[in-house]
């Protein structure tokens, strides 16, 4: 390891910062088959939303075609998408969860 010999070198090291990770929105898409109460359950179970938040997001999904469940770094967003899609299939619902980079 090299030693830092001057204040200027120290400033160069300090100024080199790691950029924050890219963030991704986890999106639930509306369909004509998945019951509204199942969507609320998804929001509470996988996104830690309370009943009112879950209902508000579910209604946004219902009326606008999609809704944001949360914003996360890629690895977490991808995991949530996979979990929600698998849970939906396990319960025989076509609900689609996806992610979008912000």
PDB file of N, CA and C in Angstrom:
ATOM      1  N   UNK A   1       0.847  -1.185   0.000  1.00  0.00           N
ATOM      2  CA  UNK A   1       0.000   0.000   0.000  1.00  0.00           C
ATOM      3  C   UNK A   1       0.884   1.237   0.000  1.00  0.00           C
ATOM      4  N   UNK A   2       0.469   2.223  -0.770  1.00  0.00           N
ATOM      5  CA  UNK A   2       1.264   3.447  -0.812  1.00  0.00           C
ATOM      6  C   UNK A   2       0.804   4.399   0.279  1.00  0.00           C
ATOM      7  N   UNK A   3       1.743   5.181   0.752  1.00  0.00           N
ATOM      8  CA  UNK A   3       1.422   6.184   1.764  1.00  0.00           C
ATOM      9  C   UNK A   3       0.980   7.466   1.080  1.00  0.00           C
ATOM     10  N   UNK A   4       0.126   8.167   1.731  1.00  0.00           N
ATOM     11  CA  UNK A   4      -0.302   9.475   1.234  1.00  0.00           C
ATOM     12  C   UNK A   4       0.691  10.481   1.784  1.00  0.00           C
ATOM     13  N   UNK A   5       1.347  11.180   0.851  1.00  0.00           N
ATOM     14  CA  UNK A   5       2.435  12.068   1.259  1.00  0.00           C
ATOM     15  C   UNK A   5       2.036  13.509   1.455  1.00  0.00           C
ATOM     16  N   UNK A   6       0.884  13.925   0.997  1.00  0.00           N
ATOM     17  CA  UNK A   6       0.530  15.330   1.143  1.00  0.00           C
ATOM     18  C   UNK A   6      -0.984  15.473   1.280  1.00  0.00           C
ATOM     19  N   UNK A   7      -1.364  16.673   1.674  1.00  0.00           N
ATOM     20  CA  UNK A   7      -2.792  16.992   1.813  1.00  0.00           C
ATOM     21  C   UNK A   7      -3.476  16.897   0.454  1.00  0.00           C
ATOM     22  N   UNK A   8      -2.813  17.315  -0.624  1.00  0.00           N
ATOM     23  CA  UNK A   8      -3.418  17.248  -1.958  1.00  0.00           C
ATOM     24  C   UNK A   8      -3.754  15.807  -2.335  1.00  0.00           C
ATOM     25  N   UNK A   9      -2.848  14.888  -2.031  1.00  0.00           N
ATOM     26  CA  UNK A   9      -3.117  13.488  -2.333  1.00  0.00           C
ATOM     27  C   UNK A   9      -4.294  12.967  -1.511  1.00  0.00           C
ATOM     28  N   UNK A  10      -4.378  13.382  -0.267  1.00  0.00           N
ATOM     29  CA  UNK A  10      -5.480  12.986   0.594  1.00  0.00           C
ATOM     30  C   UNK A  10      -6.801  13.517   0.038  1.00  0.00           C
ATOM     31  N   UNK A  11      -6.798  14.760  -0.433  1.00  0.00           N
ATOM     32  CA  UNK A  11      -8.007  15.340  -1.014  1.00  0.00           C
ATOM     33  C   UNK A  11      -8.437  14.575  -2.261  1.00  0.00           C
ATOM     34  N   UNK A  12      -7.460  14.137  -3.078  1.00  0.00           N
ATOM     35  CA  UNK A  12      -7.786  13.350  -4.264  1.00  0.00           C
ATOM     36  C   UNK A  12      -8.462  12.043  -3.875  1.00  0.00           C
ATOM     37  N   UNK A  13      -7.978  11.411  -2.821  1.00  0.00           N
ATOM     38  CA  UNK A  13      -8.552  10.155  -2.363  1.00  0.00           C
ATOM     39  C   UNK A  13      -9.955  10.385  -1.809  1.00  0.00           C
ATOM     40  N   UNK A  14     -10.150  11.436  -1.035  1.00  0.00           N
ATOM     41  CA  UNK A  14     -11.438  11.723  -0.423  1.00  0.00           C
ATOM     42  C   UNK A  14     -12.473  12.098  -1.484  1.00  0.00           C
ATOM     43  N   UNK A  15     -12.057  12.807  -2.531  1.00  0.00           N
ATOM     44  CA  UNK A  15     -12.994  13.245  -3.562  1.00  0.00           C
ATOM     45  C   UNK A  15     -13.485  12.092  -4.427  1.00  0.00           C
ATOM     46  N   UNK A  16     -12.774  10.999  -4.452  1.00  0.00           N
ATOM     47  CA  UNK A  16     -13.202   9.845  -5.220  1.00  0.00           C
ATOM     48  C   UNK A  16     -14.236   9.083  -4.408  1.00  0.00           C
ATOM     49  N   UNK A  17     -15.496   9.295  -4.741  1.00  0.00           N
ATOM     50  CA  UNK A  17     -16.585   8.667  -4.004  1.00  0.00           C
ATOM     51  C   UNK A  17     -17.274   7.625  -4.876  1.00  0.00           C
ATOM     52  N   UNK A  18     -17.852   6.668  -4.242  1.00  0.00           N
ATOM     53  CA  UNK A  18     -18.625   5.650  -4.944  1.00  0.00           C
ATOM     54  C   UNK A  18     -20.017   6.206  -5.197  1.00  0.00           C
ATOM     55  N   UNK A  19     -20.477   6.050  -6.421  1.00  0.00           N
ATOM     56  CA  UNK A  19     -21.815   6.531  -6.770  1.00  0.00           C
ATOM     57  C   UNK A  19     -22.867   5.647  -6.104  1.00  0.00           C
ATOM     58  N   UNK A  20     -23.979   6.231  -5.691  1.00  0.00           N
ATOM     59  CA  UNK A  20     -25.050   5.410  -5.105  1.00  0.00           C
ATOM     60  C   UNK A  20     -25.594   4.454  -6.165  1.00  0.00           C
ATOM     61  N   UNK A  21     -26.155   3.323  -5.745  1.00  0.00           N
ATOM     62  CA  UNK A  21     -26.675   2.361  -6.726  1.00  0.00           C
ATOM     63  C   UNK A  21     -27.891   2.920  -7.466  1.00  0.00           C
ATOM     64  N   UNK A  22     -28.081   2.444  -8.678  1.00  0.00           N
ATOM     65  CA  UNK A  22     -29.288   2.801  -9.425  1.00  0.00           C
ATOM     66  C   UNK A  22     -30.494   2.247  -8.677  1.00  0.00           C
ATOM     67  N   UNK A  23     -31.588   2.963  -8.768  1.00  0.00           N
ATOM     68  CA  UNK A  23     -32.797   2.544  -8.072  1.00  0.00           C
ATOM     69  C   UNK A  23     -33.844   2.101  -9.098  1.00  0.00           C
ATOM     70  N   UNK A  24     -34.685   1.166  -8.654  1.00  0.00           N
ATOM     71  CA  UNK A  24     -35.696   0.573  -9.517  1.00  0.00           C
ATOM     72  C   UNK A  24     -37.054   0.584  -8.822  1.00  0.00           C
ATOM     73  N   UNK A  25     -38.084   0.915  -9.592  1.00  0.00           N
ATOM     74  CA  UNK A  25     -39.448   0.840  -9.088  1.00  0.00           C
ATOM     75  C   UNK A  25     -39.972  -0.572  -9.313  1.00  0.00           C
ATOM     76  N   UNK A  26     -40.596  -1.129  -8.295  1.00  0.00           N
ATOM     77  CA  UNK A  26     -41.288  -2.406  -8.452  1.00  0.00           C
ATOM     78  C   UNK A  26     -42.733  -2.070  -8.771  1.00  0.00           C
ATOM     79  N   UNK A  27     -43.212  -2.613  -9.884  1.00  0.00           N
ATOM     80  CA  UNK A  27     -44.517  -2.262 -10.440  1.00  0.00           C
ATOM     81  C   UNK A  27     -45.439  -3.485 -10.428  1.00  0.00           C
ATOM     82  N   UNK A  28     -46.684  -3.283 -10.031  1.00  0.00           N
ATOM     83  CA  UNK A  28     -47.725  -4.297 -10.223  1.00  0.00           C
ATOM     84  C   UNK A  28     -48.609  -3.829 -11.366  1.00  0.00           C
ATOM     85  N   UNK A  29     -48.892  -4.749 -12.291  1.00  0.00           N
ATOM     86  CA  UNK A  29     -49.695  -4.442 -13.471  1.00  0.00           C
ATOM     87  C   UNK A  29     -51.101  -5.008 -13.316  1.00  0.00           C
ATOM     88  N   UNK A  30     -52.075  -4.255 -13.768  1.00  0.00           N
ATOM     89  CA  UNK A  30     -53.473  -4.665 -13.654  1.00  0.00           C
ATOM     90  C   UNK A  30     -53.784  -5.804 -14.622  1.00  0.00           C
ATOM     91  N   UNK A  31     -54.676  -6.666 -14.214  1.00  0.00           N
ATOM     92  CA  UNK A  31     -55.249  -7.677 -15.104  1.00  0.00           C
ATOM     93  C   UNK A  31     -56.722  -7.813 -14.737  1.00  0.00           C
ATOM     94  N   UNK A  32     -57.460  -8.556 -15.539  1.00  0.00           N
ATOM     95  CA  UNK A  32     -58.902  -8.670 -15.321  1.00  0.00           C
ATOM     96  C   UNK A  32     -59.294  -9.852 -14.455  1.00  0.00           C
ATOM     97  N   UNK A  33     -58.318 -10.557 -13.888  1.00  0.00           N
ATOM     98  CA  UNK A  33     -58.620 -11.801 -13.196  1.00  0.00           C
ATOM     99  C   UNK A  33     -58.206 -11.845 -11.729  1.00  0.00           C
ATOM    100  N   UNK A  34     -57.124 -11.186 -11.368  1.00  0.00           N
ATOM    101  CA  UNK A  34     -56.618 -11.248  -9.995  1.00  0.00           C
ATOM    102  C   UNK A  34     -57.536 -10.453  -9.068  1.00  0.00           C
ATOM    103  N   UNK A  35     -58.031 -11.063  -8.000  1.00  0.00           N
ATOM    104  CA  UNK A  35     -58.911 -10.344  -7.068  1.00  0.00           C
ATOM    105  C   UNK A  35     -58.188  -9.198  -6.361  1.00  0.00           C
ATOM    106  N   UNK A  36     -58.932  -8.159  -6.088  1.00  0.00           N
ATOM    107  CA  UNK A  36     -58.371  -6.984  -5.427  1.00  0.00           C
ATOM    108  C   UNK A  36     -57.802  -7.326  -4.050  1.00  0.00           C
ATOM    109  N   UNK A  37     -58.468  -8.204  -3.322  1.00  0.00           N
ATOM    110  CA  UNK A  37     -57.974  -8.547  -1.985  1.00  0.00           C
ATOM    111  C   UNK A  37     -56.647  -9.308  -2.055  1.00  0.00           C
ATOM    112  N   UNK A  38     -56.413 -10.042  -3.145  1.00  0.00           N
ATOM    113  CA  UNK A  38     -55.122 -10.723  -3.318  1.00  0.00           C
ATOM    114  C   UNK A  38     -54.019  -9.692  -3.542  1.00  0.00           C
ATOM    115  N   UNK A  39     -54.306  -8.647  -4.308  1.00  0.00           N
ATOM    116  CA  UNK A  39     -53.325  -7.579  -4.552  1.00  0.00           C
ATOM    117  C   UNK A  39     -52.997  -6.883  -3.232  1.00  0.00           C
ATOM    118  N   UNK A  40     -53.998  -6.620  -2.419  1.00  0.00           N
ATOM    119  CA  UNK A  40     -53.774  -6.011  -1.103  1.00  0.00           C
ATOM    120  C   UNK A  40     -52.890  -6.924  -0.249  1.00  0.00           C
ATOM    121  N   UNK A  41     -53.158  -8.218  -0.289  1.00  0.00           N
ATOM    122  CA  UNK A  41     -52.342  -9.176   0.464  1.00  0.00           C
ATOM    123  C   UNK A  41     -50.886  -9.146  -0.004  1.00  0.00           C
ATOM    124  N   UNK A  42     -50.666  -9.080  -1.308  1.00  0.00           N
ATOM    125  CA  UNK A  42     -49.305  -8.987  -1.871  1.00  0.00           C
ATOM    126  C   UNK A  42     -48.602  -7.750  -1.326  1.00  0.00           C
ATOM    127  N   UNK A  43     -49.272  -6.630  -1.351  1.00  0.00           N
ATOM    128  CA  UNK A  43     -48.674  -5.364  -0.905  1.00  0.00           C
ATOM    129  C   UNK A  43     -48.326  -5.405   0.578  1.00  0.00           C
ATOM    130  N   UNK A  44     -49.159  -6.023   1.377  1.00  0.00           N
ATOM    131  CA  UNK A  44     -48.888  -6.120   2.807  1.00  0.00           C
ATOM    132  C   UNK A  44     -47.772  -7.119   3.092  1.00  0.00           C
ATOM    133  N   UNK A  45     -47.786  -8.246   2.398  1.00  0.00           N
ATOM    134  CA  UNK A  45     -46.840  -9.326   2.668  1.00  0.00           C
ATOM    135  C   UNK A  45     -45.440  -9.018   2.161  1.00  0.00           C
ATOM    136  N   UNK A  46     -45.328  -8.546   0.928  1.00  0.00           N
ATOM    137  CA  UNK A  46     -44.019  -8.388   0.299  1.00  0.00           C
ATOM    138  C   UNK A  46     -43.464  -6.969   0.362  1.00  0.00           C
ATOM    139  N   UNK A  47     -44.329  -5.986   0.627  1.00  0.00           N
ATOM    140  CA  UNK A  47     -43.872  -4.596   0.609  1.00  0.00           C
ATOM    141  C   UNK A  47     -44.133  -3.875   1.921  1.00  0.00           C
ATOM    142  N   UNK A  48     -44.593  -4.610   2.925  1.00  0.00           N
ATOM    143  CA  UNK A  48     -44.807  -4.065   4.276  1.00  0.00           C
ATOM    144  C   UNK A  48     -45.689  -2.822   4.289  1.00  0.00           C
ATOM    145  N   UNK A  49     -46.700  -2.814   3.437  1.00  0.00           N
ATOM    146  CA  UNK A  49     -47.654  -1.698   3.418  1.00  0.00           C
ATOM    147  C   UNK A  49     -48.771  -1.988   4.409  1.00  0.00           C
ATOM    148  N   UNK A  50     -49.279  -0.927   5.027  1.00  0.00           N
ATOM    149  CA  UNK A  50     -50.426  -1.123   5.916  1.00  0.00           C
ATOM    150  C   UNK A  50     -51.694  -1.248   5.059  1.00  0.00           C
ATOM    151  N   UNK A  51     -52.816  -1.488   5.696  1.00  0.00           N
ATOM    152  CA  UNK A  51     -54.053  -1.733   4.963  1.00  0.00           C
ATOM    153  C   UNK A  51     -54.454  -0.543   4.092  1.00  0.00           C
ATOM    154  N   UNK A  52     -54.329   0.667   4.611  1.00  0.00           N
ATOM    155  CA  UNK A  52     -54.727   1.852   3.835  1.00  0.00           C
ATOM    156  C   UNK A  52     -53.799   2.064   2.637  1.00  0.00           C
ATOM    157  N   UNK A  53     -52.486   1.960   2.851  1.00  0.00           N
ATOM    158  CA  UNK A  53     -51.532   2.114   1.741  1.00  0.00           C
ATOM    159  C   UNK A  53     -51.782   1.046   0.676  1.00  0.00           C
ATOM    160  N   UNK A  54     -51.993  -0.174   1.120  1.00  0.00           N
ATOM    161  CA  UNK A  54     -52.237  -1.280   0.196  1.00  0.00           C
ATOM    162  C   UNK A  54     -53.493  -1.040  -0.634  1.00  0.00           C
ATOM    163  N   UNK A  55     -54.544  -0.581   0.010  1.00  0.00           N
ATOM    164  CA  UNK A  55     -55.795  -0.306  -0.692  1.00  0.00           C
ATOM    165  C   UNK A  55     -55.611   0.824  -1.692  1.00  0.00           C
ATOM    166  N   UNK A  56     -54.900   1.877  -1.299  1.00  0.00           N
ATOM    167  CA  UNK A  56     -54.658   3.007  -2.201  1.00  0.00           C
ATOM    168  C   UNK A  56     -53.859   2.572  -3.438  1.00  0.00           C
ATOM    169  N   UNK A  57     -52.810   1.790  -3.235  1.00  0.00           N
ATOM    170  CA  UNK A  57     -51.996   1.314  -4.357  1.00  0.00           C
ATOM    171  C   UNK A  57     -52.810   0.376  -5.239  1.00  0.00           C
ATOM    172  N   UNK A  58     -53.593  -0.513  -4.630  1.00  0.00           N
ATOM    173  CA  UNK A  58     -54.421  -1.442  -5.389  1.00  0.00           C
ATOM    174  C   UNK A  58     -55.416  -0.675  -6.272  1.00  0.00           C
ATOM    175  N   UNK A  59     -56.007   0.380  -5.739  1.00  0.00           N
ATOM    176  CA  UNK A  59     -56.948   1.174  -6.527  1.00  0.00           C
ATOM    177  C   UNK A  59     -56.243   1.915  -7.667  1.00  0.00           C
ATOM    178  N   UNK A  60     -55.021   2.372  -7.411  1.00  0.00           N
ATOM    179  CA  UNK A  60     -54.228   3.000  -8.478  1.00  0.00           C
ATOM    180  C   UNK A  60     -53.970   1.985  -9.592  1.00  0.00           C
ATOM    181  N   UNK A  61     -53.588   0.776  -9.206  1.00  0.00           N
ATOM    182  CA  UNK A  61     -53.353  -0.290 -10.190  1.00  0.00           C
ATOM    183  C   UNK A  61     -54.631  -0.552 -10.978  1.00  0.00           C
ATOM    184  N   UNK A  62     -55.745  -0.646 -10.287  1.00  0.00           N
ATOM    185  CA  UNK A  62     -57.031  -0.945 -10.914  1.00  0.00           C
ATOM    186  C   UNK A  62     -57.448   0.145 -11.903  1.00  0.00           C
ATOM    187  N   UNK A  63     -57.269   1.413 -11.517  1.00  0.00           N
ATOM    188  CA  UNK A  63     -57.752   2.517 -12.347  1.00  0.00           C
ATOM    189  C   UNK A  63     -56.740   2.984 -13.389  1.00  0.00           C
ATOM    190  N   UNK A  64     -55.442   2.880 -13.091  1.00  0.00           N
ATOM    191  CA  UNK A  64     -54.423   3.404 -14.006  1.00  0.00           C
ATOM    192  C   UNK A  64     -53.664   2.316 -14.759  1.00  0.00           C
ATOM    193  N   UNK A  65     -53.909   1.062 -14.428  1.00  0.00           N
ATOM    194  CA  UNK A  65     -53.266  -0.026 -15.149  1.00  0.00           C
ATOM    195  C   UNK A  65     -51.987  -0.541 -14.521  1.00  0.00           C
ATOM    196  N   UNK A  66     -51.396   0.251 -13.647  1.00  0.00           N
ATOM    197  CA  UNK A  66     -50.214  -0.189 -12.915  1.00  0.00           C
ATOM    198  C   UNK A  66     -49.988   0.731 -11.735  1.00  0.00           C
ATOM    199  N   UNK A  67     -49.175   0.247 -10.784  1.00  0.00           N
ATOM    200  CA  UNK A  67     -48.880   1.050  -9.604  1.00  0.00           C
ATOM    201  C   UNK A  67     -47.536   0.669  -9.020  1.00  0.00           C
ATOM    202  N   UNK A  68     -46.891   1.647  -8.396  1.00  0.00           N
ATOM    203  CA  UNK A  68     -45.573   1.448  -7.790  1.00  0.00           C
ATOM    204  C   UNK A  68     -45.739   0.900  -6.379  1.00  0.00           C
ATOM    205  N   UNK A  69     -45.066  -0.216  -6.114  1.00  0.00           N
ATOM    206  CA  UNK A  69     -45.117  -0.860  -4.798  1.00  0.00           C
ATOM    207  C   UNK A  69     -43.979  -0.398  -3.900  1.00  0.00           C
ATOM    208  N   UNK A  70     -42.864  -0.027  -4.507  1.00  0.00           N
ATOM    209  CA  UNK A  70     -41.699   0.401  -3.742  1.00  0.00           C
ATOM    210  C   UNK A  70     -40.536   0.695  -4.674  1.00  0.00           C
ATOM    211  N   UNK A  71     -39.498   1.302  -4.110  1.00  0.00           N
ATOM    212  CA  UNK A  71     -38.294   1.659  -4.859  1.00  0.00           C
ATOM    213  C   UNK A  71     -37.103   1.066  -4.124  1.00  0.00           C
ATOM    214  N   UNK A  72     -36.273   0.312  -4.858  1.00  0.00           N
ATOM    215  CA  UNK A  72     -35.180  -0.443  -4.253  1.00  0.00           C
ATOM    216  C   UNK A  72     -33.979  -0.495  -5.186  1.00  0.00           C
ATOM    217  N   UNK A  73     -32.798  -0.823  -4.639  1.00  0.00           N
ATOM    218  CA  UNK A  73     -31.665  -1.156  -5.516  1.00  0.00           C
ATOM    219  C   UNK A  73     -32.017  -2.407  -6.329  1.00  0.00           C
ATOM    220  N   UNK A  74     -31.299  -2.637  -7.429  1.00  0.00           N
ATOM    221  CA  UNK A  74     -31.653  -3.694  -8.374  1.00  0.00           C
ATOM    222  C   UNK A  74     -31.837  -5.056  -7.729  1.00  0.00           C
ATOM    223  N   UNK A  75     -30.891  -5.512  -6.923  1.00  0.00           N
ATOM    224  CA  UNK A  75     -30.960  -6.866  -6.353  1.00  0.00           C
ATOM    225  C   UNK A  75     -32.221  -7.077  -5.515  1.00  0.00           C
ATOM    226  N   UNK A  76     -32.562  -6.083  -4.721  1.00  0.00           N
ATOM    227  CA  UNK A  76     -33.765  -6.196  -3.884  1.00  0.00           C
ATOM    228  C   UNK A  76     -35.017  -6.141  -4.745  1.00  0.00           C
ATOM    229  N   UNK A  77     -35.047  -5.217  -5.711  1.00  0.00           N
ATOM    230  CA  UNK A  77     -36.202  -5.098  -6.606  1.00  0.00           C
ATOM    231  C   UNK A  77     -36.411  -6.395  -7.386  1.00  0.00           C
ATOM    232  N   UNK A  78     -35.340  -6.956  -7.915  1.00  0.00           N
ATOM    233  CA  UNK A  78     -35.444  -8.192  -8.685  1.00  0.00           C
ATOM    234  C   UNK A  78     -35.966  -9.343  -7.819  1.00  0.00           C
ATOM    235  N   UNK A  79     -35.474  -9.424  -6.589  1.00  0.00           N
ATOM    236  CA  UNK A  79     -35.937 -10.469  -5.673  1.00  0.00           C
ATOM    237  C   UNK A  79     -37.420 -10.323  -5.384  1.00  0.00           C
ATOM    238  N   UNK A  80     -37.879  -9.101  -5.134  1.00  0.00           N
ATOM    239  CA  UNK A  80     -39.299  -8.884  -4.853  1.00  0.00           C
ATOM    240  C   UNK A  80     -40.158  -9.257  -6.060  1.00  0.00           C
ATOM    241  N   UNK A  81     -39.710  -8.906  -7.258  1.00  0.00           N
ATOM    242  CA  UNK A  81     -40.441  -9.250  -8.481  1.00  0.00           C
ATOM    243  C   UNK A  81     -40.571 -10.769  -8.596  1.00  0.00           C
ATOM    244  N   UNK A  82     -39.477 -11.474  -8.403  1.00  0.00           N
ATOM    245  CA  UNK A  82     -39.503 -12.936  -8.489  1.00  0.00           C
ATOM    246  C   UNK A  82     -40.415 -13.547  -7.430  1.00  0.00           C
ATOM    247  N   UNK A  83     -40.337 -13.032  -6.204  1.00  0.00           N
ATOM    248  CA  UNK A  83     -41.175 -13.555  -5.118  1.00  0.00           C
ATOM    249  C   UNK A  83     -42.656 -13.338  -5.403  1.00  0.00           C
ATOM    250  N   UNK A  84     -43.010 -12.134  -5.831  1.00  0.00           N
ATOM    251  CA  UNK A  84     -44.422 -11.817  -6.095  1.00  0.00           C
ATOM    252  C   UNK A  84     -44.949 -12.649  -7.257  1.00  0.00           C
ATOM    253  N   UNK A  85     -44.174 -12.740  -8.335  1.00  0.00           N
ATOM    254  CA  UNK A  85     -44.627 -13.522  -9.488  1.00  0.00           C
ATOM    255  C   UNK A  85     -44.790 -15.001  -9.126  1.00  0.00           C
ATOM    256  N   UNK A  86     -43.876 -15.549  -8.346  1.00  0.00           N
ATOM    257  CA  UNK A  86     -43.990 -16.952  -7.945  1.00  0.00           C
ATOM    258  C   UNK A  86     -45.190 -17.164  -7.025  1.00  0.00           C
ATOM    259  N   UNK A  87     -45.373 -16.265  -6.066  1.00  0.00           N
ATOM    260  CA  UNK A  87     -46.509 -16.351  -5.143  1.00  0.00           C
ATOM    261  C   UNK A  87     -47.831 -16.287  -5.914  1.00  0.00           C
ATOM    262  N   UNK A  88     -47.884 -15.402  -6.904  1.00  0.00           N
ATOM    263  CA  UNK A  88     -49.099 -15.266  -7.725  1.00  0.00           C
ATOM    264  C   UNK A  88     -49.380 -16.544  -8.496  1.00  0.00           C
ATOM    265  N   UNK A  89     -48.354 -17.126  -9.099  1.00  0.00           N
ATOM    266  CA  UNK A  89     -48.539 -18.375  -9.852  1.00  0.00           C
ATOM    267  C   UNK A  89     -48.933 -19.519  -8.919  1.00  0.00           C
ATOM    268  N   UNK A  90     -48.295 -19.558  -7.741  1.00  0.00           N
ATOM    269  CA  UNK A  90     -48.632 -20.602  -6.768  1.00  0.00           C
ATOM    270  C   UNK A  90     -50.102 -20.541  -6.366  1.00  0.00           C
ATOM    271  N   UNK A  91     -50.683 -19.335  -6.423  1.00  0.00           N
ATOM    272  CA  UNK A  91     -52.092 -19.152  -6.069  1.00  0.00           C
ATOM    273  C   UNK A  91     -52.983 -19.026  -7.313  1.00  0.00           C
ATOM    274  N   UNK A  92     -52.404 -19.395  -8.457  1.00  0.00           N
ATOM    275  CA  UNK A  92     -53.128 -19.448  -9.734  1.00  0.00           C
ATOM    276  C   UNK A  92     -53.732 -18.118 -10.162  1.00  0.00           C
ATOM    277  N   UNK A  93     -52.962 -17.048  -9.951  1.00  0.00           N
ATOM    278  CA  UNK A  93     -53.352 -15.713 -10.415  1.00  0.00           C
ATOM    279  C   UNK A  93     -52.352 -15.232 -11.452  1.00  0.00           C
ATOM    280  N   UNK A  94     -52.829 -14.516 -12.477  1.00  0.00           N
ATOM    281  CA  UNK A  94     -51.927 -14.027 -13.525  1.00  0.00           C
ATOM    282  C   UNK A  94     -51.256 -12.685 -13.207  1.00  0.00           C
ATOM    283  N   UNK A  95     -51.367 -12.219 -11.980  1.00  0.00           N
ATOM    284  CA  UNK A  95     -50.795 -10.928 -11.594  1.00  0.00           C
ATOM    285  C   UNK A  95     -49.339 -10.846 -12.031  1.00  0.00           C
ATOM    286  N   UNK A  96     -48.976  -9.747 -12.682  1.00  0.00           N
ATOM    287  CA  UNK A  96     -47.611  -9.566 -13.172  1.00  0.00           C
ATOM    288  C   UNK A  96     -46.924  -8.439 -12.413  1.00  0.00           C
ATOM    289  N   UNK A  97     -45.768  -8.763 -11.871  1.00  0.00           N
ATOM    290  CA  UNK A  97     -44.924  -7.788 -11.185  1.00  0.00           C
ATOM    291  C   UNK A  97     -43.688  -7.587 -12.055  1.00  0.00           C
ATOM    292  N   UNK A  98     -43.239  -6.339 -12.183  1.00  0.00           N
ATOM    293  CA  UNK A  98     -42.066  -6.030 -13.002  1.00  0.00           C
ATOM    294  C   UNK A  98     -41.287  -4.918 -12.327  1.00  0.00           C
ATOM    295  N   UNK A  99     -40.144  -4.565 -12.913  1.00  0.00           N
ATOM    296  CA  UNK A  99     -39.373  -3.445 -12.378  1.00  0.00           C
ATOM    297  C   UNK A  99     -38.996  -2.487 -13.480  1.00  0.00           C
ATOM    298  N   UNK A 100     -38.811  -1.226 -13.103  1.00  0.00           N
ATOM    299  CA  UNK A 100     -38.425  -0.175 -14.043  1.00  0.00           C
ATOM    300  C   UNK A 100     -37.332   0.651 -13.390  1.00  0.00           C
ATOM    301  N   UNK A 101     -36.270   0.907 -14.141  1.00  0.00           N
ATOM    302  CA  UNK A 101     -35.195   1.750 -13.626  1.00  0.00           C
ATOM    303  C   UNK A 101     -35.676   3.191 -13.559  1.00  0.00           C
ATOM    304  N   UNK A 102     -35.328   3.855 -12.478  1.00  0.00           N
ATOM    305  CA  UNK A 102     -35.742   5.261 -12.313  1.00  0.00           C
ATOM    306  C   UNK A 102     -34.751   6.149 -13.057  1.00  0.00           C
TER     307      UNK A 102
END
